[in-house]
Every structure is written in structure tokens, then in C-alpha cells.
Amino acid sequence: MTLSALAVRRITLDTKKALDLTSEGMFWIPDETDLAHGWAIVCGPTDTPYYGGAFCFEVRFPDNYPFEPPSFTYLTNDGRTRFNPNLYKTGKVCLSLLNTWQGEQWSGVQSLSSILHCIQTAVLNDEPLRNEPGYSAMSSHPDMPVYKRMVFQATLETAILAHMTEPPSYMVPVYDAIRERFIKVRDALVKKATEYAAEWDGKTEHMSFFSMTVKYKFGELAARLAATLV
């Protein structure tokens, strides 16, 4: 299929606007050989278990964009961790703006930037388990702090350290900018991981809902953070 003339114009406009989001911790990396293809990186916000992490997505625009939303595939996986109820280990992204979940659906007034903002604020939030329908109405639940610890450890290991030591090829054009963001938050992350290590290192927790079992190693990750991001 060939992109419509309208699709070419809107993709060009929307991706250009997305390039201006770097100061907010959102990055667009175009595929120089395919206008309809690229990668998006969303950095986790402050006061969440995702803080400091870079969460990556492969993006493809449909031929009739903007009448249909782009497709997003989640890439920052370790094969074990369900990083968010909306982000599957298979790469599936459940988001109403992508027409893959209930709620406000995609319309032509939406854009790539609005999707990235939604991921950063509504998905990568401070209580991610509330994104799961079974937990959404609860003010608290024993699984919530467990899940946050698991996600925080996985963020340190997969969304920070793995990217800094072996960045995926698509990240190379923005690697320096992302590394600079990591360095700015390094000390805060090392401090938080060290505090978690004092209470949790060597302990194992299980969360049956997502079939996740994690043995904590925050001290090791804190040391690696301090040594790697220099």
C-alpha cells in the first residue's frame, strides 16, 4: 500500500512536532528510509518507579493516517517483567488512543505527540497497578507496593543500565541526550536503590496476578549505576 497525500503531510507535520519534545523526555527517531516508520522513546517521570528509565516503542503509521492511529510495539522488555498493565511482554500496547483499549478513542485531531504525552503521564505513573481494571477502583492493595518494587528494579536494570551499556541501534541518534538525562538523575536513583537494598536485598517476592517472581538486588544495581553513568 502507498501512503495517501494527506498521510504524507500529517506524518511529516506530526513527526516534526514530536522532535520538539526532547526537553520533556520524549524522543522521536525517524527511519530515514521509510516516512511511515520510526521509534519513540519516553522517559519515566519523577516520583514513579519508572523514573530515569527510557521506554522504547516501534511506531508505524497506516496508509490512511490520520483516520487511523499509528501502531505501537513496546520494546523495553527483559522477558520476565510486566512493566505495566498497558505494556505487554509480547510488545502489545493497550491504550485507548491507539484503539486497543476502552476509553477515549483515536480521532484525527490526535497526534503522535498526544500519544507520547499519554504514555508518559497515564501509563508510566506512580501507581501503575491501578491501570489494571481489577485494581483501578482500589485506594490500596497489598500487591501495589510489591509491583512498584518489582518495576523499579526492572527499570534500573533494563530501562537504564542495559541502554547505557548496550544501546539498541535505533537509540544511537539520541543516545547522548538520553545519557545526559540519566546522569542528571543518577545520584537520586543510587540513593533510592541503596535505601531499598537495606530492606529488600536477597528477599524474593511473588505477584501471582502477572506471574512474576523477583529476587531483589538493589545494592548491586546501585553500584553498577554509580560506576556506569560517569
Protein backbone atom coordinates (compact mmCIF):
# COMPACT_ATOMS: atom_id res chain seq x y z
CA MET A 1 0.00 0.00 0.00
CA THR A 2 1.05 3.59 -0.63
CA LEU A 3 0.65 6.48 1.79
CA SER A 4 -2.08 8.91 0.80
CA ALA A 5 -1.08 12.51 0.14
CA LEU A 6 -2.85 13.53 3.35
CA ALA A 7 -0.98 10.85 5.29
CA VAL A 8 2.35 12.13 3.98
CA ARG A 9 1.51 15.68 5.06
CA ARG A 10 0.23 14.71 8.51
CA ILE A 11 3.06 12.28 9.26
CA THR A 12 5.59 14.92 8.24
CA LEU A 13 3.89 17.51 10.46
CA ASP A 14 3.33 15.23 13.45
CA THR A 15 6.83 13.76 13.49
CA LYS A 16 8.36 17.23 13.17
CA LYS A 17 6.39 18.36 16.23
CA ALA A 18 7.45 15.24 18.13
CA LEU A 19 11.09 16.17 17.57
CA ASP A 20 10.47 19.21 19.79
CA LEU A 21 9.56 17.11 22.86
CA THR A 22 13.12 16.24 23.92
CA SER A 23 13.12 18.71 26.82
CA GLU A 24 10.10 16.85 28.21
CA GLY A 25 11.83 13.48 28.00
CA MET A 26 10.22 12.25 24.78
CA PHE A 27 12.22 11.42 21.68
CA TRP A 28 11.32 10.62 18.08
CA ILE A 29 13.82 8.77 15.89
CA PRO A 30 12.72 8.61 12.25
CA ASP A 31 13.52 5.75 9.92
CA GLU A 32 15.41 7.65 7.22
CA THR A 33 14.29 5.12 4.61
CA ASP A 34 10.58 4.99 5.49
CA LEU A 35 8.46 8.03 6.40
CA ALA A 36 5.80 5.81 7.98
CA HIS A 37 8.21 4.10 10.37
CA GLY A 38 10.27 5.15 13.35
CA TRP A 39 10.90 4.77 17.06
CA ALA A 40 9.69 6.69 20.09
CA ILE A 41 11.36 6.84 23.48
CA VAL A 42 9.50 8.04 26.57
CA CYS A 43 11.43 8.73 29.77
CA GLY A 44 9.81 7.85 33.08
CA PRO A 45 8.65 10.84 35.15
CA THR A 46 9.72 11.85 38.65
CA ASP A 47 8.18 10.10 41.68
CA THR A 48 7.30 6.94 39.78
CA PRO A 49 9.00 3.52 39.67
CA TYR A 50 9.88 4.39 36.06
CA TYR A 51 11.95 7.47 36.95
CA GLY A 52 15.10 7.72 34.87
CA GLY A 53 14.16 4.86 32.57
CA ALA A 54 13.91 5.09 28.79
CA PHE A 55 10.93 3.14 27.45
CA CYS A 56 11.09 2.43 23.75
CA PHE A 57 8.46 1.80 21.10
CA GLU A 58 8.48 0.94 17.44
CA VAL A 59 5.92 3.04 15.58
CA ARG A 60 4.29 2.54 12.21
CA PHE A 61 1.79 4.89 10.60
CA PRO A 62 -1.07 3.46 8.50
CA ASP A 63 -1.57 4.41 4.87
CA ASN A 64 -4.72 6.39 5.73
CA TYR A 65 -3.29 8.31 8.69
CA PRO A 66 -4.71 10.29 10.49
CA PHE A 67 -8.03 8.47 10.07
CA GLU A 68 -6.49 5.51 11.89
CA PRO A 69 -3.93 5.68 14.69
CA PRO A 70 -0.32 4.57 14.36
CA SER A 71 0.59 1.15 15.72
CA PHE A 72 2.95 0.97 18.71
CA THR A 73 5.07 -2.02 19.72
CA TYR A 74 6.70 -1.95 23.15
CA LEU A 75 10.41 -2.82 23.02
CA THR A 76 11.91 -2.36 26.51
CA ASN A 77 11.44 -5.89 27.79
CA ASP A 78 13.51 -8.42 29.69
CA GLY A 79 11.26 -11.41 29.01
CA ARG A 80 10.25 -11.65 32.68
CA THR A 81 8.77 -8.36 33.81
CA ARG A 82 5.34 -6.99 33.00
CA PHE A 83 6.45 -3.36 33.19
CA ASN A 84 2.90 -2.00 33.17
CA PRO A 85 -0.64 -3.37 32.77
CA ASN A 86 -0.76 -1.46 29.47
CA LEU A 87 2.60 -2.78 28.22
CA TYR A 88 2.77 -6.48 27.47
CA LYS A 89 5.84 -8.72 27.33
CA THR A 90 4.75 -9.57 23.79
CA GLY A 91 5.13 -5.90 22.80
CA LYS A 92 1.40 -5.17 22.72
CA VAL A 93 0.43 -1.67 23.87
CA CYS A 94 -3.08 -1.29 25.28
CA LEU A 95 -4.09 2.34 25.05
CA SER A 96 -7.43 3.88 24.18
CA LEU A 97 -5.82 6.45 21.86
CA LEU A 98 -4.46 3.54 19.83
CA ASN A 99 -7.92 1.93 19.74
CA THR A 100 -6.53 -1.02 21.67
CA TRP A 101 -8.32 -0.32 24.96
CA GLN A 102 -11.55 1.22 26.23
CA GLY A 103 -11.86 4.95 26.79
CA GLU A 104 -11.22 7.96 24.59
CA GLN A 105 -10.60 6.59 21.10
CA TRP A 106 -8.37 7.91 18.36
CA SER A 107 -9.57 10.78 16.20
CA GLY A 108 -7.89 12.86 13.53
CA VAL A 109 -7.29 15.70 15.99
CA GLN A 110 -4.91 13.47 17.96
CA SER A 111 -1.26 13.19 17.03
CA LEU A 112 1.96 11.33 17.72
CA SER A 113 2.76 13.89 20.42
CA SER A 114 -0.56 13.33 22.20
CA ILE A 115 0.13 9.59 22.34
CA LEU A 116 3.61 10.13 23.78
CA HIS A 117 2.25 12.51 26.41
CA CYS A 118 -0.43 9.96 27.32
CA ILE A 119 2.17 7.22 27.75
CA GLN A 120 4.32 9.41 29.96
CA THR A 121 1.52 10.66 32.21
CA ALA A 122 -1.21 7.99 32.18
CA VAL A 123 0.83 4.82 31.68
CA LEU A 124 4.17 5.49 33.41
CA ASN A 125 2.51 6.73 36.60
CA ASP A 126 3.19 6.43 40.32
CA GLU A 127 0.68 3.60 40.91
CA PRO A 128 0.86 1.55 37.72
CA LEU A 129 -1.18 -1.35 39.06
CA ARG A 130 -4.24 0.92 39.11
CA ASN A 131 -4.12 0.81 35.31
CA GLU A 132 -5.34 -2.77 35.65
CA PRO A 133 -9.18 -2.88 35.79
CA GLY A 134 -9.22 -5.25 38.76
CA TYR A 135 -7.26 -2.75 40.84
CA SER A 136 -8.35 0.59 39.36
CA ALA A 137 -11.03 1.39 41.96
CA MET A 138 -8.90 0.43 44.97
CA SER A 139 -7.23 3.07 47.10
CA SER A 140 -4.74 0.45 48.26
CA HIS A 141 -3.94 -3.23 47.85
CA PRO A 142 -1.06 -5.41 49.12
CA ASP A 143 0.05 -6.04 45.52
CA MET A 144 0.59 -2.35 44.78
CA PRO A 145 3.86 -1.76 46.69
CA VAL A 146 5.16 -5.17 45.61
CA TYR A 147 4.56 -4.38 41.96
CA LYS A 148 6.22 -0.96 42.30
CA ARG A 149 9.36 -2.55 43.79
CA MET A 150 9.50 -5.10 41.01
CA VAL A 151 9.07 -2.44 38.33
CA PHE A 152 11.66 -0.15 39.93
CA GLN A 153 14.28 -2.90 39.95
CA ALA A 154 13.49 -3.83 36.34
CA THR A 155 13.64 -0.16 35.34
CA LEU A 156 17.14 0.17 36.79
CA GLU A 157 18.37 -2.99 35.11
CA THR A 158 16.60 -2.93 31.75
CA ALA A 159 15.46 0.63 31.04
CA ILE A 160 18.65 2.30 32.29
CA LEU A 161 21.72 0.07 32.64
CA ALA A 162 21.07 -2.09 29.59
CA HIS A 163 20.50 1.01 27.46
CA MET A 164 23.63 2.73 28.73
CA THR A 165 25.93 -0.25 28.23
CA GLU A 166 24.45 -1.71 25.04
CA PRO A 167 22.06 0.77 23.44
CA PRO A 168 19.84 -0.62 20.68
CA SER A 169 20.79 0.60 17.22
CA TYR A 170 17.72 2.81 16.84
CA MET A 171 18.68 4.73 20.01
CA VAL A 172 22.09 5.80 18.72
CA PRO A 173 20.94 9.15 17.22
CA VAL A 174 19.61 10.31 20.61
CA TYR A 175 21.91 8.31 22.91
CA ASP A 176 23.91 11.32 24.10
CA ALA A 177 20.76 13.24 25.03
CA ILE A 178 19.31 10.27 26.92
CA ARG A 179 22.63 9.60 28.65
CA GLU A 180 22.70 13.24 29.78
CA ARG A 181 19.22 12.82 31.30
CA PHE A 182 20.35 9.65 33.09
CA ILE A 183 23.41 11.37 34.53
CA LYS A 184 21.26 14.16 35.98
CA VAL A 185 19.14 11.69 37.96
CA ARG A 186 21.88 9.15 38.73
CA ASP A 187 22.57 10.25 42.30
CA ALA A 188 18.88 10.23 43.21
CA LEU A 189 18.46 6.76 41.74
CA VAL A 190 21.56 5.41 43.50
CA LYS A 191 20.25 6.82 46.79
CA LYS A 192 16.81 5.27 46.31
CA ALA A 193 18.22 1.90 45.26
CA THR A 194 20.59 1.87 48.25
CA GLU A 195 17.67 2.56 50.60
CA TYR A 196 15.71 -0.31 49.04
CA ALA A 197 18.75 -2.58 49.33
CA ALA A 198 18.89 -2.18 53.10
CA GLU A 199 15.42 -3.67 53.49
CA TRP A 200 14.90 -5.87 50.46
CA ASP A 201 18.16 -7.26 49.07
CA GLY A 202 18.24 -11.05 49.00
CA LYS A 203 14.49 -11.31 49.55
CA THR A 204 12.11 -12.78 46.99
CA GLU A 205 8.57 -11.63 46.26
CA HIS A 206 5.91 -13.17 44.06
CA MET A 207 2.98 -11.49 42.38
CA SER A 208 0.52 -14.07 41.15
CA PHE A 209 -1.56 -11.68 39.02
CA PHE A 210 1.25 -11.23 36.49
CA SER A 211 3.05 -14.48 37.43
CA MET A 212 6.16 -12.53 38.43
CA THR A 213 8.78 -13.66 40.94
CA VAL A 214 11.65 -11.31 41.73
CA LYS A 215 14.72 -11.67 43.93
CA TYR A 216 15.92 -8.20 44.83
CA LYS A 217 19.45 -6.98 44.14
CA PHE A 218 19.16 -3.23 44.58
CA GLY A 219 22.65 -2.91 46.08
CA GLU A 220 24.28 -4.48 43.03
CA LEU A 221 22.28 -2.24 40.69
CA ALA A 222 23.13 0.87 42.73
CA ALA A 223 26.84 0.05 42.42
CA ARG A 224 26.51 -0.52 38.68
CA LEU A 225 24.64 2.75 38.26
CA ALA A 226 27.33 4.65 40.13
CA ALA A 227 30.09 3.04 38.06
CA THR A 228 28.42 3.15 34.65
CA LEU A 229 26.92 6.60 34.42
CA VAL A 230 30.08 8.68 34.82
